[in-house]
Amino acid sequence: MKRGFGFSILIVLLLGISVGCAKRETQVDRFYGTSYELAKQSQIYNPEAGVKDGSSVGLEGDVASRVIERYKEGFDEPAAKTETYSVDVEGMTIK
């Protein structure tokens, strides 16, 4: 009985170790660092890129100022009060 139990524990440990070592490559692993390398190579090929491209493309002045004002007005109102719950061993309490 002891021998069978010890043998089964050994099998489980060996399976656990082999599963831990068997890692499949994911898309993230395959392309990790690609955008960094592309940006670095682009700067090597053309170090002056983006220096003399002219004005930036975006919102016009009056539209941009309205957007900024609306953004700033969002901070004038106080944040809504939220309730915080705490779960203890004795039960749930509201703080």
C-alpha atoms as a PDB file:
ATOM      1  CA  MET A   1       0.000   0.000   0.000  1.00  0.00           C
ATOM      2  CA  LYS A   2       2.767   2.440   0.932  1.00  0.00           C
ATOM      3  CA  ARG A   3       4.681   1.577  -2.195  1.00  0.00           C
ATOM      4  CA  GLY A   4       1.681   2.282  -4.449  1.00  0.00           C
ATOM      5  CA  PHE A   5       0.969   5.578  -2.673  1.00  0.00           C
ATOM      6  CA  GLY A   6       4.586   6.715  -2.955  1.00  0.00           C
ATOM      7  CA  PHE A   7       4.673   5.694  -6.610  1.00  0.00           C
ATOM      8  CA  SER A   8       1.508   7.682  -7.372  1.00  0.00           C
ATOM      9  CA  ILE A   9       2.930  10.759  -5.625  1.00  0.00           C
ATOM     10  CA  LEU A  10       6.108  10.417  -7.675  1.00  0.00           C
ATOM     11  CA  ILE A  11       4.069  10.217 -10.896  1.00  0.00           C
ATOM     12  CA  VAL A  12       2.064  13.313  -9.925  1.00  0.00           C
ATOM     13  CA  LEU A  13       5.249  15.257  -9.144  1.00  0.00           C
ATOM     14  CA  LEU A  14       6.864  14.228 -12.426  1.00  0.00           C
ATOM     15  CA  LEU A  15       3.749  15.238 -14.359  1.00  0.00           C
ATOM     16  CA  GLY A  16       3.628  18.554 -12.546  1.00  0.00           C
ATOM     17  CA  ILE A  17       7.263  19.281 -13.346  1.00  0.00           C
ATOM     18  CA  SER A  18       6.875  18.308 -16.983  1.00  0.00           C
ATOM     19  CA  VAL A  19       3.736  20.442 -17.391  1.00  0.00           C
ATOM     20  CA  GLY A  20       5.525  23.397 -15.800  1.00  0.00           C
ATOM     21  CA  CYS A  21       8.382  23.108 -18.279  1.00  0.00           C
ATOM     22  CA  ALA A  22       6.147  22.758 -21.331  1.00  0.00           C
ATOM     23  CA  LYS A  23       5.395  26.377 -22.273  1.00  0.00           C
ATOM     24  CA  ARG A  24       3.796  27.157 -25.586  1.00  0.00           C
ATOM     25  CA  GLU A  25       4.826  30.316 -27.390  1.00  0.00           C
ATOM     26  CA  THR A  26       2.072  32.934 -27.584  1.00  0.00           C
ATOM     27  CA  GLN A  27       1.610  35.846 -29.999  1.00  0.00           C
ATOM     28  CA  VAL A  28       2.911  38.216 -27.322  1.00  0.00           C
ATOM     29  CA  ASP A  29       6.065  36.144 -26.891  1.00  0.00           C
ATOM     30  CA  ARG A  30       6.588  35.933 -30.628  1.00  0.00           C
ATOM     31  CA  PHE A  31       6.355  39.681 -31.270  1.00  0.00           C
ATOM     32  CA  TYR A  32       7.655  41.027 -27.943  1.00  0.00           C
ATOM     33  CA  GLY A  33       9.884  44.055 -28.547  1.00  0.00           C
ATOM     34  CA  THR A  34       9.058  44.350 -32.245  1.00  0.00           C
ATOM     35  CA  SER A  35       7.703  47.906 -32.073  1.00  0.00           C
ATOM     36  CA  TYR A  36      10.748  49.018 -30.056  1.00  0.00           C
ATOM     37  CA  GLU A  37      13.086  47.524 -32.637  1.00  0.00           C
ATOM     38  CA  LEU A  38      11.123  49.087 -35.521  1.00  0.00           C
ATOM     39  CA  ALA A  39      11.269  52.535 -33.901  1.00  0.00           C
ATOM     40  CA  LYS A  40      14.998  52.145 -33.250  1.00  0.00           C
ATOM     41  CA  GLN A  41      15.705  51.085 -36.845  1.00  0.00           C
ATOM     42  CA  SER A  42      13.581  53.952 -38.189  1.00  0.00           C
ATOM     43  CA  GLN A  43      15.626  56.448 -36.185  1.00  0.00           C
ATOM     44  CA  ILE A  44      18.861  54.896 -37.427  1.00  0.00           C
ATOM     45  CA  TYR A  45      17.752  55.081 -41.072  1.00  0.00           C
ATOM     46  CA  ASN A  46      16.428  58.655 -40.846  1.00  0.00           C
ATOM     47  CA  PRO A  47      17.504  60.545 -37.711  1.00  0.00           C
ATOM     48  CA  GLU A  48      15.923  63.808 -38.989  1.00  0.00           C
ATOM     49  CA  ALA A  49      12.435  62.324 -39.379  1.00  0.00           C
ATOM     50  CA  GLY A  50       9.733  64.485 -37.868  1.00  0.00           C
ATOM     51  CA  VAL A  51      11.933  67.526 -37.347  1.00  0.00           C
ATOM     52  CA  LYS A  52      10.689  69.648 -40.286  1.00  0.00           C
ATOM     53  CA  ASP A  53       7.250  68.225 -40.997  1.00  0.00           C
ATOM     54  CA  GLY A  54       5.355  71.503 -40.556  1.00  0.00           C
ATOM     55  CA  SER A  55       2.423  72.182 -38.280  1.00  0.00           C
ATOM     56  CA  SER A  56       0.719  69.377 -36.466  1.00  0.00           C
ATOM     57  CA  VAL A  57      -2.619  68.074 -37.636  1.00  0.00           C
ATOM     58  CA  GLY A  58      -5.457  68.159 -35.121  1.00  0.00           C
ATOM     59  CA  LEU A  59      -8.294  70.305 -33.881  1.00  0.00           C
ATOM     60  CA  GLU A  60      -8.585  73.927 -34.976  1.00  0.00           C
ATOM     61  CA  GLY A  61      -8.081  76.627 -32.339  1.00  0.00           C
ATOM     62  CA  ASP A  62     -11.696  77.464 -31.454  1.00  0.00           C
ATOM     63  CA  VAL A  63     -12.767  73.810 -31.366  1.00  0.00           C
ATOM     64  CA  ALA A  64      -9.763  72.860 -29.252  1.00  0.00           C
ATOM     65  CA  SER A  65     -10.456  75.663 -26.776  1.00  0.00           C
ATOM     66  CA  ARG A  66     -14.078  74.511 -26.353  1.00  0.00           C
ATOM     67  CA  VAL A  67     -12.921  70.956 -25.768  1.00  0.00           C
ATOM     68  CA  ILE A  68     -10.421  72.101 -23.145  1.00  0.00           C
ATOM     69  CA  GLU A  69     -13.045  74.228 -21.377  1.00  0.00           C
ATOM     70  CA  ARG A  70     -15.490  71.314 -21.265  1.00  0.00           C
ATOM     71  CA  TYR A  71     -12.708  69.140 -19.882  1.00  0.00           C
ATOM     72  CA  LYS A  72     -11.905  71.656 -17.140  1.00  0.00           C
ATOM     73  CA  GLU A  73     -15.602  72.054 -16.215  1.00  0.00           C
ATOM     74  CA  GLY A  74     -15.716  68.345 -15.451  1.00  0.00           C
ATOM     75  CA  PHE A  75     -13.478  68.943 -12.433  1.00  0.00           C
ATOM     76  CA  ASP A  76     -15.711  71.671 -10.942  1.00  0.00           C
ATOM     77  CA  GLU A  77     -18.309  69.171  -9.738  1.00  0.00           C
ATOM     78  CA  PRO A  78     -17.362  67.103  -6.700  1.00  0.00           C
ATOM     79  CA  ALA A  79     -16.927  63.399  -7.291  1.00  0.00           C
ATOM     80  CA  ALA A  80     -19.899  61.211  -6.525  1.00  0.00           C
ATOM     81  CA  LYS A  81     -19.717  59.488  -3.159  1.00  0.00           C
ATOM     82  CA  THR A  82     -19.353  55.768  -3.425  1.00  0.00           C
ATOM     83  CA  GLU A  83     -19.956  53.247  -0.698  1.00  0.00           C
ATOM     84  CA  THR A  84     -17.134  50.985   0.348  1.00  0.00           C
ATOM     85  CA  TYR A  85     -17.894  47.472   1.525  1.00  0.00           C
ATOM     86  CA  SER A  86     -15.619  45.422   3.714  1.00  0.00           C
ATOM     87  CA  VAL A  87     -15.965  41.668   4.099  1.00  0.00           C
ATOM     88  CA  ASP A  88     -14.753  40.341   7.429  1.00  0.00           C
ATOM     89  CA  VAL A  89     -14.918  36.936   9.020  1.00  0.00           C
ATOM     90  CA  GLU A  90     -17.986  38.015  11.002  1.00  0.00           C
ATOM     91  CA  GLY A  91     -19.832  39.369   7.948  1.00  0.00           C
ATOM     92  CA  MET A  92     -20.167  42.340   5.624  1.00  0.00           C
ATOM     93  CA  THR A  93     -19.919  45.915   6.921  1.00  0.00           C
ATOM     94  CA  ILE A  94     -20.378  49.300   5.236  1.00  0.00           C
ATOM     95  CA  LYS A  95     -17.684  51.866   5.916  1.00  0.00           C
END
